[in-house]
Structure formats: structure tokens, C-alpha cells
N, C-alpha and C. Protein backbone atom coordinates (compact mmCIF):
# COMPACT_ATOMS: atom_id res chain seq x y z
N GLU A 1 -61.14 2.22 18.74
CA GLU A 1 -60.70 2.50 17.36
C GLU A 1 -59.45 3.51 17.42
N ASN A 2 -59.50 4.42 18.41
CA ASN A 2 -58.43 5.09 18.74
C ASN A 2 -57.05 4.40 19.17
N GLY A 3 -57.35 3.44 20.09
CA GLY A 3 -56.33 2.72 20.61
C GLY A 3 -55.45 1.90 19.53
N SER A 4 -56.29 1.36 18.45
CA SER A 4 -55.64 0.64 17.48
C SER A 4 -54.80 1.49 16.60
N SER A 5 -55.11 2.67 16.37
CA SER A 5 -54.34 3.59 15.52
C SER A 5 -53.34 4.12 16.38
N ASP A 6 -53.28 4.17 17.59
CA ASP A 6 -52.12 4.36 18.37
C ASP A 6 -51.06 3.30 18.35
N ILE A 7 -51.57 1.86 18.34
CA ILE A 7 -50.62 0.83 18.21
C ILE A 7 -50.09 0.89 16.91
N LYS A 8 -50.83 1.16 15.73
CA LYS A 8 -50.22 1.11 14.54
C LYS A 8 -49.00 2.19 14.39
N SER A 9 -49.28 3.47 14.80
CA SER A 9 -48.20 4.37 14.87
C SER A 9 -47.06 3.97 15.68
N ILE A 10 -47.24 3.40 16.75
CA ILE A 10 -46.06 2.83 17.63
C ILE A 10 -45.38 1.76 16.84
N VAL A 11 -45.99 0.86 16.32
CA VAL A 11 -45.41 -0.24 15.53
C VAL A 11 -44.66 0.30 14.41
N PHE A 12 -45.25 1.27 13.58
CA PHE A 12 -44.45 2.02 12.53
C PHE A 12 -43.28 2.65 12.95
N GLY A 13 -43.49 3.26 14.22
CA GLY A 13 -42.19 4.01 14.87
C GLY A 13 -41.21 3.06 15.19
N LEU A 14 -41.57 1.83 15.59
CA LEU A 14 -40.58 0.82 15.95
C LEU A 14 -39.83 0.43 14.68
N PHE A 15 -40.51 0.06 13.59
CA PHE A 15 -39.81 -0.37 12.50
C PHE A 15 -38.97 0.80 11.80
N ALA A 16 -39.45 1.99 12.10
CA ALA A 16 -38.58 3.20 11.44
C ALA A 16 -37.37 3.17 12.27
N LEU A 17 -37.35 3.09 13.68
CA LEU A 17 -36.31 3.12 14.66
C LEU A 17 -35.26 1.98 14.25
N ILE A 18 -35.74 0.81 14.08
CA ILE A 18 -34.85 -0.21 13.77
C ILE A 18 -34.10 -0.10 12.44
N GLY A 19 -34.98 0.28 11.58
CA GLY A 19 -34.18 0.73 10.19
C GLY A 19 -33.15 1.71 10.32
N PHE A 20 -33.52 2.79 11.10
CA PHE A 20 -32.40 3.77 11.40
C PHE A 20 -31.26 3.35 12.01
N ILE A 21 -31.52 2.41 13.07
CA ILE A 21 -30.30 1.82 13.78
C ILE A 21 -29.52 1.06 12.79
N ILE A 22 -30.19 0.30 11.96
CA ILE A 22 -29.47 -0.72 11.06
C ILE A 22 -28.62 0.19 10.08
N ILE A 23 -29.17 1.28 9.52
CA ILE A 23 -28.55 2.15 8.61
C ILE A 23 -27.37 2.91 9.24
N VAL A 24 -27.44 3.40 10.48
CA VAL A 24 -26.43 3.97 11.08
C VAL A 24 -25.40 2.94 11.46
N TYR A 25 -25.64 1.70 11.94
CA TYR A 25 -24.76 0.66 12.26
C TYR A 25 -24.01 0.41 10.91
N SER A 26 -24.62 0.24 9.81
CA SER A 26 -23.79 -0.28 8.60
C SER A 26 -22.90 0.89 8.19
N ILE A 27 -23.22 2.12 8.24
CA ILE A 27 -22.46 3.23 7.92
C ILE A 27 -21.24 3.21 8.90
N PHE A 28 -21.59 3.01 10.10
CA PHE A 28 -20.58 2.95 11.25
C PHE A 28 -19.40 2.05 11.07
N MET A 29 -20.07 0.72 10.58
CA MET A 29 -19.19 -0.37 10.32
C MET A 29 -18.25 -0.30 9.09
N GLY A 30 -18.87 0.59 8.13
CA GLY A 30 -18.06 0.90 6.93
C GLY A 30 -16.88 1.90 7.18
N VAL A 31 -17.16 2.94 8.00
CA VAL A 31 -16.30 3.98 8.35
C VAL A 31 -15.13 3.33 9.28
N VAL A 32 -15.53 2.75 10.36
CA VAL A 32 -14.65 2.18 11.39
C VAL A 32 -13.83 0.98 11.12
N GLY A 33 -14.65 0.01 10.63
CA GLY A 33 -13.92 -1.27 10.01
C GLY A 33 -13.89 -2.17 11.31
N GLU A 34 -13.05 -3.17 11.27
CA GLU A 34 -13.13 -4.31 12.15
C GLU A 34 -12.80 -3.96 13.62
N PRO A 35 -11.82 -3.11 13.99
CA PRO A 35 -11.36 -2.97 15.49
C PRO A 35 -12.51 -2.91 16.33
N LEU A 36 -13.43 -2.02 16.04
CA LEU A 36 -14.58 -1.65 16.96
C LEU A 36 -15.72 -2.66 16.74
N ALA A 37 -15.50 -3.76 15.88
CA ALA A 37 -16.77 -4.55 15.39
C ALA A 37 -17.42 -5.08 16.45
N SER A 38 -16.73 -5.68 17.61
CA SER A 38 -17.34 -6.50 18.73
C SER A 38 -17.98 -5.53 19.55
N VAL A 39 -17.47 -4.24 19.82
CA VAL A 39 -18.20 -3.17 20.56
C VAL A 39 -19.46 -2.82 20.00
N ALA A 40 -19.32 -2.55 18.67
CA ALA A 40 -20.51 -1.99 17.98
C ALA A 40 -21.64 -3.19 17.90
N ASP A 41 -21.29 -4.43 17.76
CA ASP A 41 -22.26 -5.50 18.02
C ASP A 41 -23.03 -5.46 19.17
N SER A 42 -22.40 -5.38 20.34
CA SER A 42 -23.12 -5.39 21.64
C SER A 42 -23.97 -4.05 21.65
N VAL A 43 -23.46 -2.98 21.27
CA VAL A 43 -24.19 -1.79 21.25
C VAL A 43 -25.47 -1.95 20.38
N PHE A 44 -25.19 -2.47 19.21
CA PHE A 44 -26.34 -2.76 18.24
C PHE A 44 -27.47 -3.43 18.76
N VAL A 45 -27.00 -4.72 19.43
CA VAL A 45 -28.14 -5.56 19.94
C VAL A 45 -28.79 -4.84 21.03
N ALA A 46 -27.93 -4.12 21.94
CA ALA A 46 -28.55 -3.44 23.15
C ALA A 46 -29.56 -2.49 22.59
N ALA A 47 -29.38 -1.75 21.48
CA ALA A 47 -30.24 -0.70 21.02
C ALA A 47 -31.51 -1.38 20.52
N ILE A 48 -31.33 -2.46 19.90
CA ILE A 48 -32.76 -3.14 19.48
C ILE A 48 -33.47 -3.78 20.58
N ILE A 49 -32.75 -4.24 21.60
CA ILE A 49 -33.62 -4.85 22.78
C ILE A 49 -34.24 -3.68 23.50
N GLY A 50 -33.46 -2.57 23.68
CA GLY A 50 -34.02 -1.46 24.30
C GLY A 50 -35.22 -0.75 23.59
N SER A 51 -35.06 -0.92 22.30
CA SER A 51 -36.37 -0.34 21.52
C SER A 51 -37.57 -1.24 21.61
N PHE A 52 -37.36 -2.44 21.52
CA PHE A 52 -38.29 -3.50 21.72
C PHE A 52 -39.15 -3.29 23.11
N THR A 53 -38.18 -3.18 23.99
CA THR A 53 -38.60 -3.10 25.50
C THR A 53 -39.49 -1.90 25.62
N LEU A 54 -38.96 -0.73 24.94
CA LEU A 54 -39.75 0.52 25.17
C LEU A 54 -41.16 0.42 24.63
N VAL A 55 -41.11 -0.22 23.41
CA VAL A 55 -42.48 -0.26 22.47
C VAL A 55 -43.31 -1.23 23.24
N GLY A 56 -42.76 -2.42 23.79
CA GLY A 56 -43.55 -3.36 24.56
C GLY A 56 -44.28 -2.79 25.71
N THR A 57 -43.52 -1.87 26.49
CA THR A 57 -44.08 -1.12 27.62
C THR A 57 -45.27 -0.18 27.17
N ILE A 58 -44.96 0.46 26.16
CA ILE A 58 -46.07 1.43 25.60
C ILE A 58 -47.11 0.87 25.16
N VAL A 59 -47.11 -0.29 24.41
CA VAL A 59 -48.21 -1.09 24.00
C VAL A 59 -48.95 -1.62 25.13
N GLY A 60 -48.15 -2.23 26.05
CA GLY A 60 -48.88 -2.80 27.30
C GLY A 60 -49.57 -1.75 28.02
N ARG A 61 -49.18 -0.50 28.21
CA ARG A 61 -49.99 0.61 28.85
C ARG A 61 -51.23 0.80 28.05
N VAL A 62 -50.93 0.88 26.76
CA VAL A 62 -52.27 1.10 25.96
C VAL A 62 -53.36 -0.02 26.12
N PHE A 63 -52.86 -1.05 26.16
CA PHE A 63 -53.79 -2.32 26.36
C PHE A 63 -54.41 -2.27 27.79
N LEU A 64 -53.69 -1.73 28.82
CA LEU A 64 -54.14 -1.78 30.18
C LEU A 64 -55.21 -0.56 30.45
N LYS A 65 -54.95 0.45 29.63
CA LYS A 65 -55.96 1.53 29.65
C LYS A 65 -57.44 1.13 29.26
N LYS A 66 -57.61 0.13 28.45
CA LYS A 66 -58.85 -0.15 27.98
C LYS A 66 -59.72 -0.98 28.94
């Protein structure tokens, strides 16, 4: 039961993190405009992949402990 609540908080944290990244990204795009758009896109994708990898690792460790 404790493990499932840990996973729920991790998943919620992931969604909060992605939402935060999207908000920062959209503000950044509005301020900077087109010149850095391609750089921002690659950073944006890397940030999402990194957060998914991090959460996947944490969830995997939680499942392995059981």
C-alpha cells in the first residue's frame, strides 16, 4: 500500500514537472522568438526525455524493492 502511494506521488510530480517545463518553454518562446527556436526545441525534448528517464528509474527501483 505504501509503495502505490509513492508511485502516485512520483507520477504526480512527473506531470507537474512536465507542466512546468511546458510553461517555461512557452514563456521563453514568447520572449525570445524565432532565432533560438531550434535550440529551444532540442533542449525542451531533452528535458522531457530526462524527466521520463528519471521517473522510470525511480519507479523501477520502487518495484524492485518489493
